[in-house]
Amino acid sequence: MNNGAHVLLVSRDQMLLQTRALILGAYFQVESAGRVSEAEAAMAKIPFNLVVLCYSLTDAEYQKLIELCRSQTPQPRILALNAPNNGRPRPGSDAEYAIEQGPYELLKKAAEVLEFPLKPIGRASRP
């Protein structure tokens, strides 16, 4: 049930990238990048609708990615993920998400940022 929106996940943690790609990939076309250079190469090929920036990125990496996103045409929306017990917001994102809320809430937040209504992908329940 992919809606065609392109999402780029950027994180230094490969396990988090894989997990988030599985979750968001049920509804969106997902690419992953473990480094700024990989994200830059991906953005040169595909116009992303949403870029998800992990809390694992350094401040310098985060800022470079914000600048890179803002230089794109059209500009992707940016969702910044915050680590548990670290409410320190990073400037420049369109939306923020506290990861301790869980994976399904991440999917809902991404859909909200993209203005995409989530619908169940399983069979319809019977009355």
C-alpha atoms as a PDB file:
ATOM      1  CA  MET A   1       0.000   0.000   0.000  1.00  0.00           C
ATOM      2  CA  ASN A   2       2.774   2.379  -0.915  1.00  0.00           C
ATOM      3  CA  ASN A   3       1.544   5.910  -1.551  1.00  0.00           C
ATOM      4  CA  GLY A   4       4.522   6.938  -3.690  1.00  0.00           C
ATOM      5  CA  ALA A   5       6.008   9.450  -1.231  1.00  0.00           C
ATOM      6  CA  HIS A   6       9.799   9.222  -1.041  1.00  0.00           C
ATOM      7  CA  VAL A   7      11.334   9.201   2.436  1.00  0.00           C
ATOM      8  CA  LEU A   8      15.037   9.422   3.233  1.00  0.00           C
ATOM      9  CA  LEU A   9      16.180   8.097   6.606  1.00  0.00           C
ATOM     10  CA  VAL A  10      19.541   9.334   7.882  1.00  0.00           C
ATOM     11  CA  SER A  11      21.212   7.769  10.913  1.00  0.00           C
ATOM     12  CA  ARG A  12      24.670   6.671  12.017  1.00  0.00           C
ATOM     13  CA  ASP A  13      23.087   3.545  13.553  1.00  0.00           C
ATOM     14  CA  GLN A  14      22.519   0.816  10.930  1.00  0.00           C
ATOM     15  CA  MET A  15      20.109  -1.151  13.133  1.00  0.00           C
ATOM     16  CA  LEU A  16      17.894   1.903  13.571  1.00  0.00           C
ATOM     17  CA  LEU A  17      18.001   2.533   9.820  1.00  0.00           C
ATOM     18  CA  GLN A  18      16.883  -1.012   9.068  1.00  0.00           C
ATOM     19  CA  THR A  19      14.103  -0.979  11.648  1.00  0.00           C
ATOM     20  CA  ARG A  20      12.752   2.393  10.560  1.00  0.00           C
ATOM     21  CA  ALA A  21      12.968   1.390   6.892  1.00  0.00           C
ATOM     22  CA  LEU A  22      10.833  -1.689   7.602  1.00  0.00           C
ATOM     23  CA  ILE A  23       8.229   0.338   9.467  1.00  0.00           C
ATOM     24  CA  LEU A  24       7.982   3.287   7.083  1.00  0.00           C
ATOM     25  CA  GLY A  25       8.442   1.094   4.006  1.00  0.00           C
ATOM     26  CA  ALA A  26       4.949  -0.331   4.486  1.00  0.00           C
ATOM     27  CA  TYR A  27       3.520   3.012   3.355  1.00  0.00           C
ATOM     28  CA  PHE A  28       6.323   4.962   1.692  1.00  0.00           C
ATOM     29  CA  GLN A  29       9.245   4.456  -0.691  1.00  0.00           C
ATOM     30  CA  VAL A  30      12.210   4.515   1.679  1.00  0.00           C
ATOM     31  CA  GLU A  31      15.928   5.071   1.138  1.00  0.00           C
ATOM     32  CA  SER A  32      18.515   4.978   3.916  1.00  0.00           C
ATOM     33  CA  ALA A  33      21.806   6.783   4.447  1.00  0.00           C
ATOM     34  CA  GLY A  34      24.385   6.194   7.157  1.00  0.00           C
ATOM     35  CA  ARG A  35      26.484   9.233   6.282  1.00  0.00           C
ATOM     36  CA  VAL A  36      25.986  12.768   5.034  1.00  0.00           C
ATOM     37  CA  SER A  37      27.720  11.873   1.757  1.00  0.00           C
ATOM     38  CA  GLU A  38      25.261   8.991   1.195  1.00  0.00           C
ATOM     39  CA  ALA A  39      22.318  11.300   1.888  1.00  0.00           C
ATOM     40  CA  GLU A  40      23.728  13.887  -0.489  1.00  0.00           C
ATOM     41  CA  ALA A  41      24.108  11.271  -3.248  1.00  0.00           C
ATOM     42  CA  ALA A  42      20.548  10.020  -2.684  1.00  0.00           C
ATOM     43  CA  MET A  43      19.132  13.564  -2.826  1.00  0.00           C
ATOM     44  CA  ALA A  44      20.956  14.176  -6.100  1.00  0.00           C
ATOM     45  CA  LYS A  45      19.010  11.254  -7.633  1.00  0.00           C
ATOM     46  CA  ILE A  46      15.562  11.430  -6.021  1.00  0.00           C
ATOM     47  CA  PRO A  47      13.371  14.352  -4.937  1.00  0.00           C
ATOM     48  CA  PHE A  48      12.410  13.280  -1.411  1.00  0.00           C
ATOM     49  CA  ASN A  49       9.151  14.340   0.188  1.00  0.00           C
ATOM     50  CA  LEU A  50      10.441  13.735   3.715  1.00  0.00           C
ATOM     51  CA  VAL A  51      13.883  13.468   5.298  1.00  0.00           C
ATOM     52  CA  VAL A  52      14.031  11.862   8.748  1.00  0.00           C
ATOM     53  CA  LEU A  53      17.095  12.891  10.768  1.00  0.00           C
ATOM     54  CA  CYS A  54      18.139  10.644  13.655  1.00  0.00           C
ATOM     55  CA  TYR A  55      19.318  11.856  17.035  1.00  0.00           C
ATOM     56  CA  SER A  56      22.527   9.844  16.425  1.00  0.00           C
ATOM     57  CA  LEU A  57      23.795  12.498  13.995  1.00  0.00           C
ATOM     58  CA  THR A  58      26.327  15.001  15.303  1.00  0.00           C
ATOM     59  CA  ASP A  59      25.317  18.645  15.408  1.00  0.00           C
ATOM     60  CA  ALA A  60      27.570  19.343  12.412  1.00  0.00           C
ATOM     61  CA  GLU A  61      26.059  16.460  10.392  1.00  0.00           C
ATOM     62  CA  TYR A  62      22.554  17.545  11.332  1.00  0.00           C
ATOM     63  CA  GLN A  63      23.210  21.143  10.282  1.00  0.00           C
ATOM     64  CA  LYS A  64      24.795  20.050   6.987  1.00  0.00           C
ATOM     65  CA  LEU A  65      21.720  17.912   6.226  1.00  0.00           C
ATOM     66  CA  ILE A  66      19.349  20.764   7.085  1.00  0.00           C
ATOM     67  CA  GLU A  67      21.239  23.015   4.665  1.00  0.00           C
ATOM     68  CA  LEU A  68      21.236  20.298   2.022  1.00  0.00           C
ATOM     69  CA  CYS A  69      17.466  19.797   2.374  1.00  0.00           C
ATOM     70  CA  ARG A  70      16.802  23.532   2.175  1.00  0.00           C
ATOM     71  CA  SER A  71      18.807  23.761  -1.058  1.00  0.00           C
ATOM     72  CA  GLN A  72      16.639  21.133  -2.792  1.00  0.00           C
ATOM     73  CA  THR A  73      13.850  21.991  -5.223  1.00  0.00           C
ATOM     74  CA  PRO A  74      11.239  21.104  -4.202  1.00  0.00           C
ATOM     75  CA  GLN A  75      12.258  21.165  -0.562  1.00  0.00           C
ATOM     76  CA  PRO A  76      11.548  18.020   1.430  1.00  0.00           C
ATOM     77  CA  ARG A  77       9.874  18.221   4.806  1.00  0.00           C
ATOM     78  CA  ILE A  78      12.278  17.471   7.676  1.00  0.00           C
ATOM     79  CA  LEU A  79      11.405  15.328  10.685  1.00  0.00           C
ATOM     80  CA  ALA A  80      13.971  15.442  13.512  1.00  0.00           C
ATOM     81  CA  LEU A  81      14.033  12.514  15.940  1.00  0.00           C
ATOM     82  CA  ASN A  82      14.865  13.269  19.571  1.00  0.00           C
ATOM     83  CA  ALA A  83      16.594  10.785  21.854  1.00  0.00           C
ATOM     84  CA  PRO A  84      15.030   9.612  25.111  1.00  0.00           C
ATOM     85  CA  ASN A  85      15.722  11.935  28.026  1.00  0.00           C
ATOM     86  CA  ASN A  86      17.075  14.569  25.653  1.00  0.00           C
ATOM     87  CA  GLY A  87      14.401  17.098  24.900  1.00  0.00           C
ATOM     88  CA  ARG A  88      16.945  19.429  23.310  1.00  0.00           C
ATOM     89  CA  PRO A  89      15.335  20.519  20.061  1.00  0.00           C
ATOM     90  CA  ARG A  90      17.535  21.014  17.039  1.00  0.00           C
ATOM     91  CA  PRO A  91      16.639  24.027  14.911  1.00  0.00           C
ATOM     92  CA  GLY A  92      15.637  23.838  11.275  1.00  0.00           C
ATOM     93  CA  SER A  93      13.231  20.923  11.170  1.00  0.00           C
ATOM     94  CA  ASP A  94       9.580  21.098  10.175  1.00  0.00           C
ATOM     95  CA  ALA A  95       8.560  18.671  12.916  1.00  0.00           C
ATOM     96  CA  GLU A  96      10.072  16.772  15.831  1.00  0.00           C
ATOM     97  CA  TYR A  97       9.386  13.338  17.228  1.00  0.00           C
ATOM     98  CA  ALA A  98      10.389  11.816  20.574  1.00  0.00           C
ATOM     99  CA  ILE A  99      11.456   8.271  19.713  1.00  0.00           C
ATOM    100  CA  GLU A 100      10.366   6.782  23.027  1.00  0.00           C
ATOM    101  CA  GLN A 101       6.800   6.989  21.707  1.00  0.00           C
ATOM    102  CA  GLY A 102       7.491   3.883  19.622  1.00  0.00           C
ATOM    103  CA  PRO A 103       7.638   2.763  15.987  1.00  0.00           C
ATOM    104  CA  TYR A 104       3.947   2.982  15.155  1.00  0.00           C
ATOM    105  CA  GLU A 105       3.840   6.545  16.449  1.00  0.00           C
ATOM    106  CA  LEU A 106       6.818   7.309  14.175  1.00  0.00           C
ATOM    107  CA  LEU A 107       4.821   6.034  11.218  1.00  0.00           C
ATOM    108  CA  LYS A 108       1.859   8.168  12.273  1.00  0.00           C
ATOM    109  CA  LYS A 109       4.084  11.243  12.694  1.00  0.00           C
ATOM    110  CA  ALA A 110       5.672  10.755   9.251  1.00  0.00           C
ATOM    111  CA  ALA A 111       2.217  10.400   7.705  1.00  0.00           C
ATOM    112  CA  GLU A 112       1.065  13.547   9.514  1.00  0.00           C
ATOM    113  CA  VAL A 113       4.061  15.557   8.267  1.00  0.00           C
ATOM    114  CA  LEU A 114       3.392  14.313   4.723  1.00  0.00           C
ATOM    115  CA  GLU A 115      -0.349  14.964   5.129  1.00  0.00           C
ATOM    116  CA  PHE A 116      -1.014  11.345   4.212  1.00  0.00           C
ATOM    117  CA  PRO A 117      -4.000   9.603   5.830  1.00  0.00           C
ATOM    118  CA  LEU A 118      -2.975   6.234   7.259  1.00  0.00           C
ATOM    119  CA  LYS A 119      -5.201   3.318   6.447  1.00  0.00           C
ATOM    120  CA  PRO A 120      -4.779  -0.224   7.763  1.00  0.00           C
ATOM    121  CA  ILE A 121      -2.846  -2.494   5.408  1.00  0.00           C
ATOM    122  CA  GLY A 122      -4.400  -5.696   6.740  1.00  0.00           C
ATOM    123  CA  ARG A 123      -7.782  -7.186   5.994  1.00  0.00           C
ATOM    124  CA  ALA A 124     -10.820  -5.199   7.014  1.00  0.00           C
ATOM    125  CA  SER A 125     -12.278  -6.334  10.302  1.00  0.00           C
ATOM    126  CA  ARG A 126     -15.710  -7.907  10.266  1.00  0.00           C
ATOM    127  CA  PRO A 127     -18.546  -6.642  12.420  1.00  0.00           C
END
